[in-house]
N, C-alpha and C. Protein backbone atom coordinates (compact mmCIF):
# COMPACT_ATOMS: atom_id res chain seq x y z
N UNK A 1 -64.40 83.33 -39.60
CA UNK A 1 -63.32 82.58 -38.98
C UNK A 1 -63.72 82.29 -37.54
N UNK A 2 -63.61 81.03 -37.14
CA UNK A 2 -63.98 80.67 -35.77
C UNK A 2 -62.79 80.90 -34.85
N UNK A 3 -63.12 81.24 -33.63
CA UNK A 3 -62.10 81.47 -32.61
C UNK A 3 -61.86 80.18 -31.84
N UNK A 4 -60.62 79.74 -31.78
CA UNK A 4 -60.26 78.55 -31.02
C UNK A 4 -59.57 79.00 -29.75
N UNK A 5 -60.18 78.74 -28.57
CA UNK A 5 -59.57 79.19 -27.33
C UNK A 5 -58.29 78.42 -27.04
N UNK A 6 -57.36 79.08 -26.37
CA UNK A 6 -56.13 78.41 -25.98
C UNK A 6 -56.41 77.46 -24.82
N UNK A 7 -55.51 76.53 -24.60
CA UNK A 7 -55.65 75.60 -23.48
C UNK A 7 -55.69 76.38 -22.18
N UNK A 8 -54.87 77.42 -22.07
CA UNK A 8 -54.82 78.19 -20.83
C UNK A 8 -56.17 78.84 -20.52
N UNK A 9 -56.98 79.09 -21.53
CA UNK A 9 -58.27 79.72 -21.29
C UNK A 9 -59.16 78.82 -20.45
N UNK A 10 -58.99 77.51 -20.55
CA UNK A 10 -59.79 76.58 -19.76
C UNK A 10 -59.24 76.36 -18.37
N UNK A 11 -58.12 76.99 -18.05
CA UNK A 11 -57.48 76.80 -16.75
C UNK A 11 -57.36 78.17 -16.08
N UNK A 12 -58.44 78.90 -16.04
CA UNK A 12 -58.40 80.24 -15.47
C UNK A 12 -58.23 80.17 -13.96
N UNK A 13 -57.53 81.14 -13.42
CA UNK A 13 -57.35 81.22 -11.98
C UNK A 13 -58.67 81.58 -11.33
N UNK A 14 -59.09 80.79 -10.33
CA UNK A 14 -60.34 81.11 -9.67
C UNK A 14 -60.19 82.40 -8.85
N UNK A 15 -61.31 83.05 -8.53
CA UNK A 15 -61.22 84.26 -7.72
C UNK A 15 -60.57 83.96 -6.38
N UNK A 16 -59.85 84.92 -5.83
CA UNK A 16 -59.18 84.72 -4.55
C UNK A 16 -60.21 84.51 -3.45
N UNK A 17 -59.90 83.63 -2.52
CA UNK A 17 -60.75 83.38 -1.37
C UNK A 17 -60.21 84.17 -0.19
N UNK A 18 -61.11 84.58 0.69
CA UNK A 18 -60.69 85.29 1.88
C UNK A 18 -60.87 84.39 3.09
N UNK A 19 -59.87 84.41 3.96
CA UNK A 19 -59.92 83.63 5.18
C UNK A 19 -60.77 84.32 6.23
N UNK A 20 -60.90 83.70 7.42
CA UNK A 20 -61.72 84.27 8.48
C UNK A 20 -61.26 85.67 8.91
N UNK A 21 -59.95 85.94 8.77
CA UNK A 21 -59.45 87.27 9.14
C UNK A 21 -59.40 88.20 7.93
N UNK A 22 -60.07 87.82 6.86
CA UNK A 22 -60.18 88.58 5.61
C UNK A 22 -58.86 88.72 4.86
N UNK A 23 -57.89 87.88 5.20
CA UNK A 23 -56.65 87.84 4.42
C UNK A 23 -56.85 86.88 3.26
N UNK A 24 -56.07 87.05 2.22
CA UNK A 24 -56.20 86.21 1.02
C UNK A 24 -55.67 84.82 1.33
N UNK A 25 -56.46 83.81 1.02
CA UNK A 25 -56.04 82.42 1.20
C UNK A 25 -55.47 81.91 -0.12
N UNK A 26 -54.49 81.03 -0.03
CA UNK A 26 -53.91 80.44 -1.24
C UNK A 26 -54.96 79.58 -1.93
N UNK A 27 -54.99 79.67 -3.25
CA UNK A 27 -55.92 78.85 -4.03
C UNK A 27 -55.46 77.40 -3.97
N UNK A 28 -56.38 76.50 -3.86
CA UNK A 28 -56.07 75.08 -3.82
C UNK A 28 -55.54 74.63 -5.18
N UNK A 29 -54.63 73.65 -5.17
CA UNK A 29 -54.17 73.14 -6.47
C UNK A 29 -55.33 72.50 -7.22
N UNK A 30 -55.24 72.54 -8.55
CA UNK A 30 -56.27 71.93 -9.40
C UNK A 30 -55.72 70.66 -10.02
N UNK A 31 -56.48 69.59 -9.94
CA UNK A 31 -56.07 68.34 -10.58
C UNK A 31 -56.42 68.42 -12.05
N UNK A 32 -55.38 68.35 -12.90
CA UNK A 32 -55.60 68.40 -14.34
C UNK A 32 -55.81 67.00 -14.92
N UNK A 33 -55.19 66.00 -14.28
CA UNK A 33 -55.33 64.63 -14.75
C UNK A 33 -54.88 63.70 -13.64
N UNK A 34 -55.32 62.46 -13.70
CA UNK A 34 -54.87 61.44 -12.75
C UNK A 34 -55.03 60.08 -13.41
N UNK A 35 -54.27 59.13 -12.87
CA UNK A 35 -54.38 57.76 -13.35
C UNK A 35 -53.94 56.83 -12.23
N UNK A 36 -54.41 55.60 -12.28
CA UNK A 36 -54.05 54.61 -11.28
C UNK A 36 -53.80 53.28 -11.97
N UNK A 37 -52.77 52.57 -11.49
CA UNK A 37 -52.44 51.26 -12.05
C UNK A 37 -51.61 50.49 -11.05
N UNK A 38 -52.04 49.29 -10.73
CA UNK A 38 -51.27 48.38 -9.88
C UNK A 38 -50.86 49.02 -8.55
N UNK A 39 -51.76 49.77 -7.95
CA UNK A 39 -51.49 50.38 -6.65
C UNK A 39 -50.73 51.69 -6.71
N UNK A 40 -50.42 52.17 -7.90
CA UNK A 40 -49.70 53.43 -8.05
C UNK A 40 -50.68 54.48 -8.59
N UNK A 41 -50.77 55.59 -7.86
CA UNK A 41 -51.68 56.67 -8.22
C UNK A 41 -50.84 57.88 -8.61
N UNK A 42 -51.09 58.42 -9.80
CA UNK A 42 -50.34 59.56 -10.33
C UNK A 42 -51.31 60.70 -10.58
N UNK A 43 -50.95 61.89 -10.08
CA UNK A 43 -51.77 63.08 -10.27
C UNK A 43 -50.93 64.16 -10.95
N UNK A 44 -51.57 64.90 -11.82
CA UNK A 44 -50.98 66.09 -12.43
C UNK A 44 -51.72 67.28 -11.84
N UNK A 45 -51.00 68.10 -11.08
CA UNK A 45 -51.61 69.23 -10.39
C UNK A 45 -51.08 70.54 -10.92
N UNK A 46 -51.94 71.55 -10.93
CA UNK A 46 -51.57 72.90 -11.29
C UNK A 46 -51.84 73.79 -10.08
N UNK A 47 -50.86 74.62 -9.71
CA UNK A 47 -50.96 75.53 -8.58
C UNK A 47 -51.15 76.94 -9.14
N UNK A 48 -52.38 77.45 -9.13
CA UNK A 48 -52.66 78.75 -9.75
C UNK A 48 -51.91 79.91 -9.11
N UNK A 49 -51.71 79.88 -7.80
CA UNK A 49 -51.01 81.00 -7.15
C UNK A 49 -49.55 81.09 -7.59
N UNK A 50 -48.89 79.95 -7.74
CA UNK A 50 -47.49 79.95 -8.13
C UNK A 50 -47.29 79.84 -9.63
N UNK A 51 -48.36 79.48 -10.33
CA UNK A 51 -48.27 79.34 -11.78
C UNK A 51 -47.39 78.18 -12.21
N UNK A 52 -47.33 77.12 -11.41
CA UNK A 52 -46.52 75.97 -11.78
C UNK A 52 -47.34 74.69 -11.65
N UNK A 53 -46.81 73.62 -12.21
CA UNK A 53 -47.46 72.32 -12.18
C UNK A 53 -46.51 71.31 -11.54
N UNK A 54 -47.08 70.21 -11.06
CA UNK A 54 -46.25 69.13 -10.53
C UNK A 54 -46.97 67.81 -10.73
N UNK A 55 -46.18 66.76 -10.66
CA UNK A 55 -46.69 65.39 -10.74
C UNK A 55 -46.45 64.75 -9.38
N UNK A 56 -47.51 64.18 -8.80
CA UNK A 56 -47.41 63.53 -7.50
C UNK A 56 -47.67 62.04 -7.70
N UNK A 57 -46.80 61.21 -7.14
CA UNK A 57 -46.90 59.76 -7.27
C UNK A 57 -47.06 59.16 -5.88
N UNK A 58 -48.06 58.31 -5.70
CA UNK A 58 -48.28 57.61 -4.44
C UNK A 58 -48.37 56.12 -4.72
N UNK A 59 -47.56 55.35 -4.02
CA UNK A 59 -47.56 53.89 -4.17
C UNK A 59 -48.20 53.30 -2.92
N UNK A 60 -49.41 52.77 -3.06
CA UNK A 60 -50.13 52.24 -1.91
C UNK A 60 -49.49 50.97 -1.35
N UNK A 61 -48.69 50.29 -2.15
CA UNK A 61 -48.04 49.06 -1.66
C UNK A 61 -46.87 49.38 -0.74
N UNK A 62 -46.10 50.41 -1.06
CA UNK A 62 -44.92 50.74 -0.26
C UNK A 62 -45.16 51.92 0.68
N UNK A 63 -46.21 52.70 0.41
CA UNK A 63 -46.48 53.90 1.19
C UNK A 63 -45.64 55.09 0.74
N UNK A 64 -44.82 54.89 -0.30
CA UNK A 64 -43.96 55.95 -0.80
C UNK A 64 -44.78 56.97 -1.60
N UNK A 65 -44.47 58.24 -1.39
CA UNK A 65 -45.07 59.33 -2.14
C UNK A 65 -43.97 60.32 -2.48
N UNK A 66 -43.98 60.82 -3.72
CA UNK A 66 -43.03 61.86 -4.08
C UNK A 66 -43.67 62.81 -5.07
N UNK A 67 -43.09 64.02 -5.15
CA UNK A 67 -43.60 65.06 -6.02
C UNK A 67 -42.47 65.55 -6.91
N UNK A 68 -42.78 65.71 -8.18
CA UNK A 68 -41.84 66.26 -9.16
C UNK A 68 -42.40 67.57 -9.66
N UNK A 69 -41.72 68.67 -9.39
CA UNK A 69 -42.16 69.96 -9.91
C UNK A 69 -41.75 70.04 -11.37
N UNK A 70 -42.68 70.46 -12.21
CA UNK A 70 -42.41 70.61 -13.63
C UNK A 70 -41.51 71.83 -13.82
N UNK A 71 -40.38 71.62 -14.49
CA UNK A 71 -39.41 72.69 -14.73
C UNK A 71 -39.49 73.12 -16.20
N UNK A 72 -38.91 74.28 -16.48
CA UNK A 72 -38.81 74.72 -17.87
C UNK A 72 -38.08 73.65 -18.68
N UNK A 73 -38.62 73.32 -19.83
CA UNK A 73 -38.01 72.32 -20.69
C UNK A 73 -38.51 70.91 -20.45
N UNK A 74 -39.19 70.67 -19.31
CA UNK A 74 -39.76 69.34 -19.07
C UNK A 74 -40.95 69.12 -20.00
N UNK A 75 -41.13 67.89 -20.39
CA UNK A 75 -42.29 67.52 -21.21
C UNK A 75 -43.36 67.01 -20.27
N UNK A 76 -44.34 67.85 -20.04
CA UNK A 76 -45.36 67.62 -19.02
C UNK A 76 -46.02 66.24 -19.12
N UNK A 77 -46.50 65.88 -20.29
CA UNK A 77 -47.19 64.60 -20.43
C UNK A 77 -46.23 63.42 -20.30
N UNK A 78 -45.00 63.57 -20.75
CA UNK A 78 -44.01 62.51 -20.54
C UNK A 78 -43.77 62.31 -19.05
N UNK A 79 -43.66 63.41 -18.32
CA UNK A 79 -43.45 63.32 -16.88
C UNK A 79 -44.65 62.64 -16.21
N UNK A 80 -45.85 62.98 -16.64
CA UNK A 80 -47.06 62.39 -16.08
C UNK A 80 -47.11 60.88 -16.35
N UNK A 81 -46.73 60.46 -17.55
CA UNK A 81 -46.80 59.05 -17.92
C UNK A 81 -45.58 58.24 -17.48
N UNK A 82 -44.45 58.90 -17.22
CA UNK A 82 -43.21 58.21 -16.84
C UNK A 82 -42.54 58.90 -15.65
N UNK A 83 -43.25 59.05 -14.53
CA UNK A 83 -42.68 59.81 -13.41
C UNK A 83 -41.44 59.15 -12.79
N UNK A 84 -41.36 57.84 -12.81
CA UNK A 84 -40.19 57.17 -12.22
C UNK A 84 -38.93 57.44 -13.05
N UNK A 85 -39.07 57.56 -14.35
CA UNK A 85 -37.92 57.90 -15.19
C UNK A 85 -37.44 59.32 -14.87
N UNK A 86 -38.38 60.25 -14.72
CA UNK A 86 -38.00 61.62 -14.37
C UNK A 86 -37.39 61.67 -12.97
N UNK A 87 -37.93 60.88 -12.04
CA UNK A 87 -37.38 60.86 -10.68
C UNK A 87 -35.94 60.34 -10.70
N UNK A 88 -35.67 59.33 -11.52
CA UNK A 88 -34.32 58.79 -11.61
C UNK A 88 -33.36 59.83 -12.19
N UNK A 89 -33.82 60.57 -13.20
CA UNK A 89 -32.99 61.63 -13.79
C UNK A 89 -32.72 62.72 -12.76
N UNK A 90 -33.76 63.11 -12.02
CA UNK A 90 -33.59 64.15 -11.00
C UNK A 90 -32.64 63.69 -9.90
N UNK A 91 -32.74 62.41 -9.48
CA UNK A 91 -31.81 61.88 -8.48
C UNK A 91 -30.40 61.89 -9.03
N UNK A 92 -30.24 61.57 -10.30
CA UNK A 92 -28.93 61.61 -10.93
C UNK A 92 -28.37 63.02 -10.96
N UNK A 93 -29.23 64.02 -11.22
CA UNK A 93 -28.81 65.42 -11.20
C UNK A 93 -28.31 65.78 -9.80
N UNK A 94 -29.06 65.31 -8.80
CA UNK A 94 -28.70 65.61 -7.42
C UNK A 94 -27.36 64.95 -7.05
N UNK A 95 -27.21 63.70 -7.45
CA UNK A 95 -25.97 63.00 -7.15
C UNK A 95 -24.78 63.61 -7.89
N UNK A 96 -24.97 64.05 -9.11
CA UNK A 96 -23.89 64.65 -9.89
C UNK A 96 -23.45 65.97 -9.27
N UNK A 97 -24.36 66.64 -8.56
CA UNK A 97 -24.03 67.93 -7.96
C UNK A 97 -23.28 67.77 -6.64
N UNK A 98 -23.28 66.56 -6.06
CA UNK A 98 -22.60 66.31 -4.79
C UNK A 98 -21.09 66.20 -5.01
N UNK A 99 -20.31 66.80 -4.13
CA UNK A 99 -18.84 66.66 -4.27
C UNK A 99 -18.41 65.22 -3.99
N UNK A 100 -17.42 64.77 -4.67
CA UNK A 100 -16.89 63.42 -4.47
C UNK A 100 -16.20 63.34 -3.12
N UNK A 101 -16.36 62.24 -2.43
CA UNK A 101 -15.72 62.08 -1.11
C UNK A 101 -14.45 61.30 -1.23
C-alpha cells in the first residue's frame, strides 16, 4: 500500500529564525497561490506562526488593497477566486452588526 502524504505535509513550518538579539523572529507568510487579471492581483497567503491563511487583493488601477482572513467555514478556494463577493458579505456582516441610528 502506498502512502499518500496529506496536503499539510507539503506546508511544513520552517525552522524558527533568530533576530540579531537572538530572539525568535516571526516566520514570513508563505504564498500558496497568486493570480493577476486586468490590474487586479490576488494572493493566497499562509501565516505559519498564527496557523491561519488570508487572501490579499491589490487593484493597481485604484490603488485599493484589502485583506480577508480565512475564517472557520470559509471555502478557501472560493474566497481566492471570488474575493470581492466575500468582501461584500463581510461588509454586510459589519453593517448588520451596527446599531440602527
